[in-house]
Structures are given as C-alpha cells and as structure tokens.
Amino acid sequence: MSTSSVGTETYGLIAGNGQFPFYVLEGARAAGVRMVVAAIREETSPDITRAGVTVEWCGIGQLGKMIRFFKREGVRHAIMAGQVKHRQIFSGALPDWRMAQMLVRLARNNTDSLLGAVVAELAADGIELVDSTLFVPHLLAPQGVLTRRRPNARERADIDYGLEVAQVIAGLDLGQTIVIRNRAVVAVEAMEGTDAAILRAGEVARRRELTVVKVAKPQQDMRFDVPVVGLPTIETMIAAGATALAVTAGKTLIFDREAAVALANQRHLTVVGV
C-alpha cells in the first residue's frame, strides 16, 4: 500500500513508546490523512495528547477497548508504531476478556506469536494492520556508508561475521542486535533491548573496539517490530566503546538521522547500511 492510495479514510495508530508514533502522525498529516490514536497507558508519552488528534488511552491488556475505539472511529486500517517492552507484556497486567481469550490460544509467548495474534484479532473486526513505515519511508536507512569514515578492515570483518550470526538470532525471534569484537560474539540482545545489550558488551570487552550489528528478521514483517536506531544508539555506542554500526538497509528506521550521523562523525564512528 502506498500513500497515494490511502484516500480520505481514517487510520488508527497503536502507539507505543518513543518517537516513532509522533513521526507517523507527522507523516500522516503531511499526506492529508486523518489518524486517531490508541495510546498504551504503560508506554505512550503523555505528549501524544498535544498532537492534535483523538486519543483513547488503553491499558496493555485492553485489546477489546482498543478495537471498540477503532470501530467507533470508522478505522479500517491501523498502524503499530513504537515499542511495547516485552516485560510489560509479561508484567501481570490484567487482560480484558478479548485479550484473555487471545492469550489462551497462543502456542508460544514470543514476539511474533503475540503480535501475530493481535493482527488476527484486528482482522476479525475488519481492521487491517498495514506497514508501519507507510507514512515515513524517508526514515529508512539507505544502502552504503552514512558517515565520513568507512569501516576499516577489522570492522568490516566483524560486520561480515556479525551479519551471519545476527540473521540466525533474528530468525529465532530472540533479538535483532549483536555486538562483535574480533569476530567473536560479545553480547546478544534479548528482552533488555538494544542499548542495554550494547552497554553489557562494553562491560565485558572493557569498552574496546566493538562493532554493533542490528538486522531485520530474514522475513521481516514491516507491520511491526521494525528495527530502530538513532541518536541514543550512537550515544550508547560511545559509552560502550563501540566504533562501528551496521544496520539492514531499507528495513531499519533511523531517527534523528542528521544528529546521529553528526555525532558519529564527531567521534570518528562509522555507520553503514548493508
């Protein structure tokens, strides 16, 4: 689906944490599309109420409430943007009847199973979840080197090795980020998130010559869980002693790209889309 085919219908936004929901709202507004927001009480920034759109606050377990809100607003297509931390999903939040029924049917409690089940529940009520980058294609990482400095021989070898390993890890739905040093895996992302994994690697490797590789899944569903990096990623790399970052071109979002690349250049880091 392209922005030229969205027409005048109302889109629904399922907003998690971070900047992504705000970028989607900006993109939809630029495309002349009305959007309403189902904000996750445990995750979404309160600033969403100042975005000039209709907002319904839903708890992490209130799937039924979210669907009723979308149907009331005439939503037939929805976008999921912004992270919902895995620990929130398993936090013991009391699910409503719709969510409880969905959870009982799950064969696995991993990200793909959970999000896939939410997609099915939305579809059962005539709401299609669409590509989360529909209104923000300009935020996707391009192919090639984004910084002034290109990867050196050591970093290139670590990137090549890291891509092989990361694709396997991502394919198992374990995480999208690994940290490499001298073609050895120092850290693998799990539920703690990218920044925590990078910092953990910095402690293990004593903040020396780390390469960060963040990849899309082999069959990445662009409707949800799209890899994201940005200025905080670069700041975390500096703190951990990482010198290189490689991401999947065309399937990784880069937020605050100008500031992130400027800081990377200032600290002689290299960032590359592969």
C-alpha atoms as a PDB file:
ATOM      1  CA  MET A   1       0.000   0.000   0.000  1.00  0.00           C
ATOM      2  CA  SER A   2       1.287   3.451  -0.916  1.00  0.00           C
ATOM      3  CA  THR A   3       0.333   6.849   0.483  1.00  0.00           C
ATOM      4  CA  SER A   4      -1.250   7.686  -2.874  1.00  0.00           C
ATOM      5  CA  SER A   5      -3.912   5.019  -2.272  1.00  0.00           C
ATOM      6  CA  VAL A   6      -4.960   5.901   1.281  1.00  0.00           C
ATOM      7  CA  GLY A   7      -7.774   8.197   0.196  1.00  0.00           C
ATOM      8  CA  THR A   8      -9.714  10.097   2.829  1.00  0.00           C
ATOM      9  CA  GLU A   9     -10.320   7.266   5.303  1.00  0.00           C
ATOM     10  CA  THR A  10      -9.400   7.420   8.977  1.00  0.00           C
ATOM     11  CA  TYR A  11      -6.351   5.439  10.071  1.00  0.00           C
ATOM     12  CA  GLY A  12      -5.794   4.088  13.555  1.00  0.00           C
ATOM     13  CA  LEU A  13      -2.425   4.331  15.289  1.00  0.00           C
ATOM     14  CA  ILE A  14      -1.471   1.887  18.041  1.00  0.00           C
ATOM     15  CA  ALA A  15       1.148   3.981  19.827  1.00  0.00           C
ATOM     16  CA  GLY A  16       3.944   2.501  21.911  1.00  0.00           C
ATOM     17  CA  ASN A  17       6.838   4.398  23.441  1.00  0.00           C
ATOM     18  CA  GLY A  18       9.463   6.656  21.896  1.00  0.00           C
ATOM     19  CA  GLN A  19       9.408   8.978  18.897  1.00  0.00           C
ATOM     20  CA  PHE A  20       8.005   6.645  16.266  1.00  0.00           C
ATOM     21  CA  PRO A  21       4.294   7.399  16.901  1.00  0.00           C
ATOM     22  CA  PHE A  22       4.960  11.129  16.537  1.00  0.00           C
ATOM     23  CA  TYR A  23       6.821  10.628  13.247  1.00  0.00           C
ATOM     24  CA  VAL A  24       3.893   8.574  11.924  1.00  0.00           C
ATOM     25  CA  LEU A  25       1.432  11.283  12.935  1.00  0.00           C
ATOM     26  CA  GLU A  26       3.560  13.903  11.154  1.00  0.00           C
ATOM     27  CA  GLY A  27       3.741  11.753   8.045  1.00  0.00           C
ATOM     28  CA  ALA A  28       0.001  11.097   8.014  1.00  0.00           C
ATOM     29  CA  ARG A  29      -0.730  14.800   8.489  1.00  0.00           C
ATOM     30  CA  ALA A  30       1.581  15.647   5.572  1.00  0.00           C
ATOM     31  CA  ALA A  31      -0.306  13.111   3.443  1.00  0.00           C
ATOM     32  CA  GLY A  32      -3.639  14.687   4.407  1.00  0.00           C
ATOM     33  CA  VAL A  33      -4.795  11.603   6.318  1.00  0.00           C
ATOM     34  CA  ARG A  34      -6.885  11.727   9.498  1.00  0.00           C
ATOM     35  CA  MET A  35      -5.485   9.489  12.213  1.00  0.00           C
ATOM     36  CA  VAL A  36      -6.794   8.548  15.658  1.00  0.00           C
ATOM     37  CA  VAL A  37      -4.583   7.101  18.382  1.00  0.00           C
ATOM     38  CA  ALA A  38      -4.940   4.161  20.732  1.00  0.00           C
ATOM     39  CA  ALA A  39      -2.303   5.069  23.319  1.00  0.00           C
ATOM     40  CA  ILE A  40      -0.812   2.333  25.524  1.00  0.00           C
ATOM     41  CA  ARG A  41      -1.122   3.651  29.068  1.00  0.00           C
ATOM     42  CA  GLU A  42       2.068   1.929  30.253  1.00  0.00           C
ATOM     43  CA  GLU A  43       4.172   3.058  27.285  1.00  0.00           C
ATOM     44  CA  THR A  44       2.964   6.048  25.272  1.00  0.00           C
ATOM     45  CA  SER A  45       4.281   9.526  26.039  1.00  0.00           C
ATOM     46  CA  PRO A  46       1.663  11.851  27.576  1.00  0.00           C
ATOM     47  CA  ASP A  47       2.722  14.355  24.909  1.00  0.00           C
ATOM     48  CA  ILE A  48       0.524  12.408  22.481  1.00  0.00           C
ATOM     49  CA  THR A  49      -2.458  14.313  23.892  1.00  0.00           C
ATOM     50  CA  ARG A  50      -0.954  17.527  22.484  1.00  0.00           C
ATOM     51  CA  ALA A  51      -0.609  16.140  18.951  1.00  0.00           C
ATOM     52  CA  GLY A  52      -3.983  17.491  17.819  1.00  0.00           C
ATOM     53  CA  VAL A  53      -5.628  14.075  17.284  1.00  0.00           C
ATOM     54  CA  THR A  54      -8.295  11.988  19.020  1.00  0.00           C
ATOM     55  CA  VAL A  55      -6.654   9.788  21.670  1.00  0.00           C
ATOM     56  CA  GLU A  56      -8.037   6.803  23.578  1.00  0.00           C
ATOM     57  CA  TRP A  57      -5.919   5.510  26.459  1.00  0.00           C
ATOM     58  CA  CYS A  58      -5.832   1.721  26.733  1.00  0.00           C
ATOM     59  CA  GLY A  59      -4.045  -0.490  29.229  1.00  0.00           C
ATOM     60  CA  ILE A  60      -1.588  -3.079  27.931  1.00  0.00           C
ATOM     61  CA  GLY A  61      -4.247  -5.771  28.313  1.00  0.00           C
ATOM     62  CA  GLN A  62      -7.237  -3.837  26.960  1.00  0.00           C
ATOM     63  CA  LEU A  63      -7.374  -5.216  23.437  1.00  0.00           C
ATOM     64  CA  GLY A  64     -11.164  -5.164  23.364  1.00  0.00           C
ATOM     65  CA  LYS A  65     -11.277  -1.494  24.345  1.00  0.00           C
ATOM     66  CA  MET A  66      -8.821  -0.606  21.574  1.00  0.00           C
ATOM     67  CA  ILE A  67     -10.814  -2.450  18.926  1.00  0.00           C
ATOM     68  CA  ARG A  68     -14.083  -0.850  20.052  1.00  0.00           C
ATOM     69  CA  PHE A  69     -12.445   2.589  19.831  1.00  0.00           C
ATOM     70  CA  PHE A  70     -11.204   1.968  16.297  1.00  0.00           C
ATOM     71  CA  LYS A  71     -14.587   0.682  15.151  1.00  0.00           C
ATOM     72  CA  ARG A  72     -16.323   3.682  16.694  1.00  0.00           C
ATOM     73  CA  GLU A  73     -13.988   5.998  14.738  1.00  0.00           C
ATOM     74  CA  GLY A  74     -14.532   4.140  11.461  1.00  0.00           C
ATOM     75  CA  VAL A  75     -10.962   2.758  11.261  1.00  0.00           C
ATOM     76  CA  ARG A  76     -10.351   0.055   8.659  1.00  0.00           C
ATOM     77  CA  HIS A  77      -6.541   0.276   8.529  1.00  0.00           C
ATOM     78  CA  ALA A  78      -4.215   0.575  11.523  1.00  0.00           C
ATOM     79  CA  ILE A  79      -0.511   1.156  12.074  1.00  0.00           C
ATOM     80  CA  MET A  80       1.520  -0.065  15.028  1.00  0.00           C
ATOM     81  CA  ALA A  81       4.381   2.299  15.902  1.00  0.00           C
ATOM     82  CA  GLY A  82       6.593   2.496  18.952  1.00  0.00           C
ATOM     83  CA  GLN A  83       7.965  -0.222  21.164  1.00  0.00           C
ATOM     84  CA  VAL A  84       5.949  -2.052  23.790  1.00  0.00           C
ATOM     85  CA  LYS A  85       8.574  -3.535  26.076  1.00  0.00           C
ATOM     86  CA  HIS A  86       8.431  -7.292  26.415  1.00  0.00           C
ATOM     87  CA  ARG A  87       8.500  -7.024  30.174  1.00  0.00           C
ATOM     88  CA  GLN A  88       5.276  -5.021  30.001  1.00  0.00           C
ATOM     89  CA  ILE A  89       3.582  -7.852  28.158  1.00  0.00           C
ATOM     90  CA  PHE A  90       4.623 -10.278  30.885  1.00  0.00           C
ATOM     91  CA  SER A  91       4.126  -7.818  33.753  1.00  0.00           C
ATOM     92  CA  GLY A  92       0.957  -9.450  35.013  1.00  0.00           C
ATOM     93  CA  ALA A  93      -1.296  -6.677  33.720  1.00  0.00           C
ATOM     94  CA  LEU A  94      -4.927  -7.799  33.969  1.00  0.00           C
ATOM     95  CA  PRO A  95      -6.196  -8.593  30.456  1.00  0.00           C
ATOM     96  CA  ASP A  96      -9.728  -7.842  29.346  1.00  0.00           C
ATOM     97  CA  TRP A  97     -11.886 -10.668  28.030  1.00  0.00           C
ATOM     98  CA  ARG A  98     -10.755 -10.210  24.412  1.00  0.00           C
ATOM     99  CA  MET A  99      -7.070 -10.259  25.344  1.00  0.00           C
ATOM    100  CA  ALA A 100      -7.509 -13.191  27.756  1.00  0.00           C
ATOM    101  CA  GLN A 101      -9.117 -15.306  25.048  1.00  0.00           C
ATOM    102  CA  MET A 102      -6.294 -14.452  22.664  1.00  0.00           C
ATOM    103  CA  LEU A 103      -3.563 -15.330  25.172  1.00  0.00           C
ATOM    104  CA  VAL A 104      -5.125 -18.727  25.922  1.00  0.00           C
ATOM    105  CA  ARG A 105      -4.874 -19.644  22.237  1.00  0.00           C
ATOM    106  CA  LEU A 106      -1.175 -18.751  21.954  1.00  0.00           C
ATOM    107  CA  ALA A 107       1.167 -21.653  21.307  1.00  0.00           C
ATOM    108  CA  ARG A 108       4.212 -19.520  22.208  1.00  0.00           C
ATOM    109  CA  ASN A 109       4.729 -16.306  24.136  1.00  0.00           C
ATOM    110  CA  ASN A 110       7.342 -14.801  21.811  1.00  0.00           C
ATOM    111  CA  THR A 111       7.043 -11.512  19.938  1.00  0.00           C
ATOM    112  CA  ASP A 112       5.968 -12.967  16.600  1.00  0.00           C
ATOM    113  CA  SER A 113       3.212 -15.076  18.174  1.00  0.00           C
ATOM    114  CA  LEU A 114       1.859 -12.224  20.299  1.00  0.00           C
ATOM    115  CA  LEU A 115       1.840  -9.651  17.532  1.00  0.00           C
ATOM    116  CA  GLY A 116       0.510 -12.138  15.009  1.00  0.00           C
ATOM    117  CA  ALA A 117      -2.396 -12.887  17.344  1.00  0.00           C
ATOM    118  CA  VAL A 118      -3.155  -9.159  17.721  1.00  0.00           C
ATOM    119  CA  VAL A 119      -3.165  -8.842  13.914  1.00  0.00           C
ATOM    120  CA  ALA A 120      -5.682 -11.704  13.708  1.00  0.00           C
ATOM    121  CA  GLU A 121      -7.929 -10.117  16.337  1.00  0.00           C
ATOM    122  CA  LEU A 122      -7.949  -6.808  14.480  1.00  0.00           C
ATOM    123  CA  ALA A 123      -8.675  -8.568  11.191  1.00  0.00           C
ATOM    124  CA  ALA A 124     -11.616 -10.389  12.772  1.00  0.00           C
ATOM    125  CA  ASP A 125     -13.223  -6.968  13.221  1.00  0.00           C
ATOM    126  CA  GLY A 126     -12.400  -5.737   9.736  1.00  0.00           C
ATOM    127  CA  ILE A 127      -9.263  -3.767  10.686  1.00  0.00           C
ATOM    128  CA  GLU A 128      -6.120  -4.435   8.640  1.00  0.00           C
ATOM    129  CA  LEU A 129      -2.706  -3.732  10.166  1.00  0.00           C
ATOM    130  CA  VAL A 130      -0.504  -2.138   7.488  1.00  0.00           C
ATOM    131  CA  ASP A 131       3.204  -1.366   7.009  1.00  0.00           C
ATOM    132  CA  SER A 132       4.373   0.767   9.939  1.00  0.00           C
ATOM    133  CA  THR A 133       6.608   2.799   7.612  1.00  0.00           C
ATOM    134  CA  LEU A 134       3.768   3.695   5.221  1.00  0.00           C
ATOM    135  CA  PHE A 135       3.898   7.401   6.091  1.00  0.00           C
ATOM    136  CA  VAL A 136       7.638   7.589   6.937  1.00  0.00           C
ATOM    137  CA  PRO A 137       9.610   5.838   4.145  1.00  0.00           C
ATOM    138  CA  HIS A 138      12.209   8.635   4.299  1.00  0.00           C
ATOM    139  CA  LEU A 139      13.294   7.396   7.743  1.00  0.00           C
ATOM    140  CA  LEU A 140      14.505   4.027   6.436  1.00  0.00           C
ATOM    141  CA  ALA A 141      18.274   3.501   6.314  1.00  0.00           C
ATOM    142  CA  PRO A 142      19.787   3.787   2.835  1.00  0.00           C
ATOM    143  CA  GLN A 143      22.357   1.391   1.406  1.00  0.00           C
ATOM    144  CA  GLY A 144      26.001   2.315   1.941  1.00  0.00           C
ATOM    145  CA  VAL A 145      28.147   4.311   4.351  1.00  0.00           C
ATOM    146  CA  LEU A 146      26.310   7.156   6.086  1.00  0.00           C
ATOM    147  CA  THR A 147      29.318   8.666   7.867  1.00  0.00           C
ATOM    148  CA  ARG A 148      32.542  10.251   6.650  1.00  0.00           C
ATOM    149  CA  ARG A 149      34.600   7.307   7.840  1.00  0.00           C
ATOM    150  CA  ARG A 150      34.215   3.922   6.163  1.00  0.00           C
ATOM    151  CA  PRO A 151      34.626   0.684   8.137  1.00  0.00           C
ATOM    152  CA  ASN A 152      38.254  -0.365   8.488  1.00  0.00           C
ATOM    153  CA  ALA A 153      39.414  -3.942   7.823  1.00  0.00           C
ATOM    154  CA  ARG A 154      38.739  -5.092  11.399  1.00  0.00           C
ATOM    155  CA  GLU A 155      35.262  -3.552  11.462  1.00  0.00           C
ATOM    156  CA  ARG A 156      34.426  -4.912   8.008  1.00  0.00           C
ATOM    157  CA  ALA A 157      35.372  -8.428   9.122  1.00  0.00           C
ATOM    158  CA  ASP A 158      33.277  -8.042  12.276  1.00  0.00           C
ATOM    159  CA  ILE A 159      30.315  -6.757  10.261  1.00  0.00           C
ATOM    160  CA  ASP A 160      30.503  -9.668   7.827  1.00  0.00           C
ATOM    161  CA  TYR A 161      30.708 -12.177  10.659  1.00  0.00           C
ATOM    162  CA  GLY A 162      28.073 -10.377  12.688  1.00  0.00           C
ATOM    163  CA  LEU A 163      25.588 -10.375   9.822  1.00  0.00           C
ATOM    164  CA  GLU A 164      25.794 -14.160   9.559  1.00  0.00           C
ATOM    165  CA  VAL A 165      25.170 -14.645  13.266  1.00  0.00           C
ATOM    166  CA  ALA A 166      22.570 -11.892  13.633  1.00  0.00           C
ATOM    167  CA  GLN A 167      20.423 -13.310  10.838  1.00  0.00           C
ATOM    168  CA  VAL A 168      20.227 -16.621  12.680  1.00  0.00           C
ATOM    169  CA  ILE A 169      19.415 -14.957  16.015  1.00  0.00           C
ATOM    170  CA  ALA A 170      16.784 -12.710  14.451  1.00  0.00           C
ATOM    171  CA  GLY A 171      15.276 -15.671  12.635  1.00  0.00           C
ATOM    172  CA  LEU A 172      14.752 -17.359  16.003  1.00  0.00           C
ATOM    173  CA  ASP A 173      12.940 -14.212  17.259  1.00  0.00           C
ATOM    174  CA  LEU A 174      15.494 -13.796  20.060  1.00  0.00           C
ATOM    175  CA  GLY A 175      16.636 -10.256  19.268  1.00  0.00           C
ATOM    176  CA  GLN A 176      17.836  -8.079  16.413  1.00  0.00           C
ATOM    177  CA  THR A 177      21.172  -6.852  17.750  1.00  0.00           C
ATOM    178  CA  ILE A 178      24.513  -8.493  18.435  1.00  0.00           C
ATOM    179  CA  VAL A 179      27.812  -6.945  19.446  1.00  0.00           C
ATOM    180  CA  ILE A 180      31.061  -8.292  17.974  1.00  0.00           C
ATOM    181  CA  ARG A 181      34.748  -7.963  18.754  1.00  0.00           C
ATOM    182  CA  ASN A 182      37.419  -9.650  16.622  1.00  0.00           C
ATOM    183  CA  ARG A 183      34.823 -11.956  15.023  1.00  0.00           C
ATOM    184  CA  ALA A 184      33.539 -13.171  18.375  1.00  0.00           C
ATOM    185  CA  VAL A 185      30.060 -12.500  19.785  1.00  0.00           C
ATOM    186  CA  VAL A 186      30.291 -10.402  22.943  1.00  0.00           C
ATOM    187  CA  ALA A 187      26.559  -9.825  23.565  1.00  0.00           C
ATOM    188  CA  VAL A 188      23.207 -10.818  22.094  1.00  0.00           C
ATOM    189  CA  GLU A 189      20.105  -8.697  22.578  1.00  0.00           C
ATOM    190  CA  ALA A 190      17.242 -10.319  24.467  1.00  0.00           C
ATOM    191  CA  MET A 191      14.324  -8.656  26.265  1.00  0.00           C
ATOM    192  CA  GLU A 192      16.502  -5.861  27.673  1.00  0.00           C
ATOM    193  CA  GLY A 193      16.714  -4.004  24.344  1.00  0.00           C
ATOM    194  CA  THR A 194      19.474  -2.739  22.070  1.00  0.00           C
ATOM    195  CA  ASP A 195      21.052  -0.091  24.294  1.00  0.00           C
ATOM    196  CA  ALA A 196      21.272  -2.415  27.307  1.00  0.00           C
ATOM    197  CA  ALA A 197      22.884  -5.116  25.168  1.00  0.00           C
ATOM    198  CA  ILE A 198      25.486  -2.643  23.864  1.00  0.00           C
ATOM    199  CA  LEU A 199      26.311  -1.433  27.375  1.00  0.00           C
ATOM    200  CA  ARG A 200      26.616  -5.011  28.600  1.00  0.00           C
ATOM    201  CA  ALA A 201      29.051  -5.733  25.782  1.00  0.00           C
ATOM    202  CA  GLY A 202      31.067  -2.670  26.765  1.00  0.00           C
ATOM    203  CA  GLU A 203      31.471  -4.031  30.278  1.00  0.00           C
ATOM    204  CA  VAL A 204      32.505  -7.473  29.035  1.00  0.00           C
ATOM    205  CA  ALA A 205      35.007  -6.148  26.478  1.00  0.00           C
ATOM    206  CA  ARG A 206      36.256  -3.315  28.691  1.00  0.00           C
ATOM    207  CA  ARG A 207      34.955  -0.734  26.209  1.00  0.00           C
ATOM    208  CA  ARG A 208      37.352  -1.624  23.410  1.00  0.00           C
ATOM    209  CA  GLU A 209      36.775  -1.892  19.655  1.00  0.00           C
ATOM    210  CA  LEU A 210      33.210  -3.175  19.488  1.00  0.00           C
ATOM    211  CA  THR A 211      31.064  -3.477  16.372  1.00  0.00           C
ATOM    212  CA  VAL A 212      27.272  -3.350  16.653  1.00  0.00           C
ATOM    213  CA  VAL A 213      25.147  -5.178  14.085  1.00  0.00           C
ATOM    214  CA  LYS A 214      21.368  -4.667  14.034  1.00  0.00           C
ATOM    215  CA  VAL A 215      19.361  -6.569  11.452  1.00  0.00           C
ATOM    216  CA  ALA A 216      15.828  -7.084  10.279  1.00  0.00           C
ATOM    217  CA  LYS A 217      14.472 -10.594  10.548  1.00  0.00           C
ATOM    218  CA  PRO A 218      15.006 -12.807   7.474  1.00  0.00           C
ATOM    219  CA  GLN A 219      11.288 -12.489   6.708  1.00  0.00           C
ATOM    220  CA  GLN A 220      10.790  -9.096   8.382  1.00  0.00           C
ATOM    221  CA  ASP A 221       7.140  -8.147   8.711  1.00  0.00           C
ATOM    222  CA  MET A 222       7.181  -4.390   8.199  1.00  0.00           C
ATOM    223  CA  ARG A 223       3.911  -4.057  10.084  1.00  0.00           C
ATOM    224  CA  PHE A 224       5.610  -4.390  13.453  1.00  0.00           C
ATOM    225  CA  ASP A 225       8.901  -4.789  15.321  1.00  0.00           C
ATOM    226  CA  VAL A 226      10.858  -2.923  12.616  1.00  0.00           C
ATOM    227  CA  PRO A 227      14.476  -2.334  13.794  1.00  0.00           C
ATOM    228  CA  VAL A 228      15.168   1.208  15.016  1.00  0.00           C
ATOM    229  CA  VAL A 229      18.388   3.102  15.721  1.00  0.00           C
ATOM    230  CA  GLY A 230      19.032   6.775  16.356  1.00  0.00           C
ATOM    231  CA  LEU A 231      20.922   9.343  18.369  1.00  0.00           C
ATOM    232  CA  PRO A 232      20.612   7.365  21.659  1.00  0.00           C
ATOM    233  CA  THR A 233      22.147   4.364  19.883  1.00  0.00           C
ATOM    234  CA  ILE A 234      25.223   6.389  18.928  1.00  0.00           C
ATOM    235  CA  GLU A 235      25.478   7.824  22.441  1.00  0.00           C
ATOM    236  CA  THR A 236      25.306   4.314  23.906  1.00  0.00           C
ATOM    237  CA  MET A 237      27.958   3.065  21.485  1.00  0.00           C
ATOM    238  CA  ILE A 238      30.298   5.852  22.577  1.00  0.00           C
ATOM    239  CA  ALA A 239      29.752   4.943  26.226  1.00  0.00           C
ATOM    240  CA  ALA A 240      30.428   1.268  25.482  1.00  0.00           C
ATOM    241  CA  GLY A 241      33.498   1.792  23.297  1.00  0.00           C
ATOM    242  CA  ALA A 242      31.845   0.680  20.042  1.00  0.00           C
ATOM    243  CA  THR A 243      33.252   2.120  16.822  1.00  0.00           C
ATOM    244  CA  ALA A 244      31.006   0.707  14.078  1.00  0.00           C
ATOM    245  CA  LEU A 245      27.300   0.198  13.480  1.00  0.00           C
ATOM    246  CA  ALA A 246      25.778  -1.839  10.662  1.00  0.00           C
ATOM    247  CA  VAL A 247      22.015  -1.965  10.003  1.00  0.00           C
ATOM    248  CA  THR A 248      19.776  -3.566   7.392  1.00  0.00           C
ATOM    249  CA  ALA A 249      19.236  -1.033   4.605  1.00  0.00           C
ATOM    250  CA  GLY A 250      15.613  -0.408   3.640  1.00  0.00           C
ATOM    251  CA  LYS A 251      14.276  -2.206   6.710  1.00  0.00           C
ATOM    252  CA  THR A 252      15.767  -0.236   9.618  1.00  0.00           C
ATOM    253  CA  LEU A 253      14.432   3.112  10.802  1.00  0.00           C
ATOM    254  CA  ILE A 254      16.926   5.824  11.728  1.00  0.00           C
ATOM    255  CA  PHE A 255      15.507   8.535  13.971  1.00  0.00           C
ATOM    256  CA  ASP A 256      17.235  11.923  14.275  1.00  0.00           C
ATOM    257  CA  ARG A 257      19.478  10.834  11.414  1.00  0.00           C
ATOM    258  CA  GLU A 258      21.201  14.184  10.932  1.00  0.00           C
ATOM    259  CA  ALA A 259      22.114  14.480  14.630  1.00  0.00           C
ATOM    260  CA  ALA A 260      23.068  10.811  14.898  1.00  0.00           C
ATOM    261  CA  VAL A 261      25.401  10.954  11.898  1.00  0.00           C
ATOM    262  CA  ALA A 262      26.886  14.272  13.063  1.00  0.00           C
ATOM    263  CA  LEU A 263      27.756  12.786  16.458  1.00  0.00           C
ATOM    264  CA  ALA A 264      29.145   9.653  14.830  1.00  0.00           C
ATOM    265  CA  ASN A 265      31.356  11.813  12.605  1.00  0.00           C
ATOM    266  CA  GLN A 266      32.500  13.884  15.559  1.00  0.00           C
ATOM    267  CA  ARG A 267      33.578  10.752  17.438  1.00  0.00           C
ATOM    268  CA  HIS A 268      35.020   9.040  14.319  1.00  0.00           C
ATOM    269  CA  LEU A 269      32.465   6.228  14.322  1.00  0.00           C
ATOM    270  CA  THR A 270      31.260   4.543  11.152  1.00  0.00           C
ATOM    271  CA  VAL A 271      27.629   3.761  10.321  1.00  0.00           C
ATOM    272  CA  VAL A 272      26.683   1.654   7.315  1.00  0.00           C
ATOM    273  CA  GLY A 273      23.501   0.286   5.745  1.00  0.00           C
ATOM    274  CA  VAL A 274      24.028  -3.203   4.390  1.00  0.00           C
END
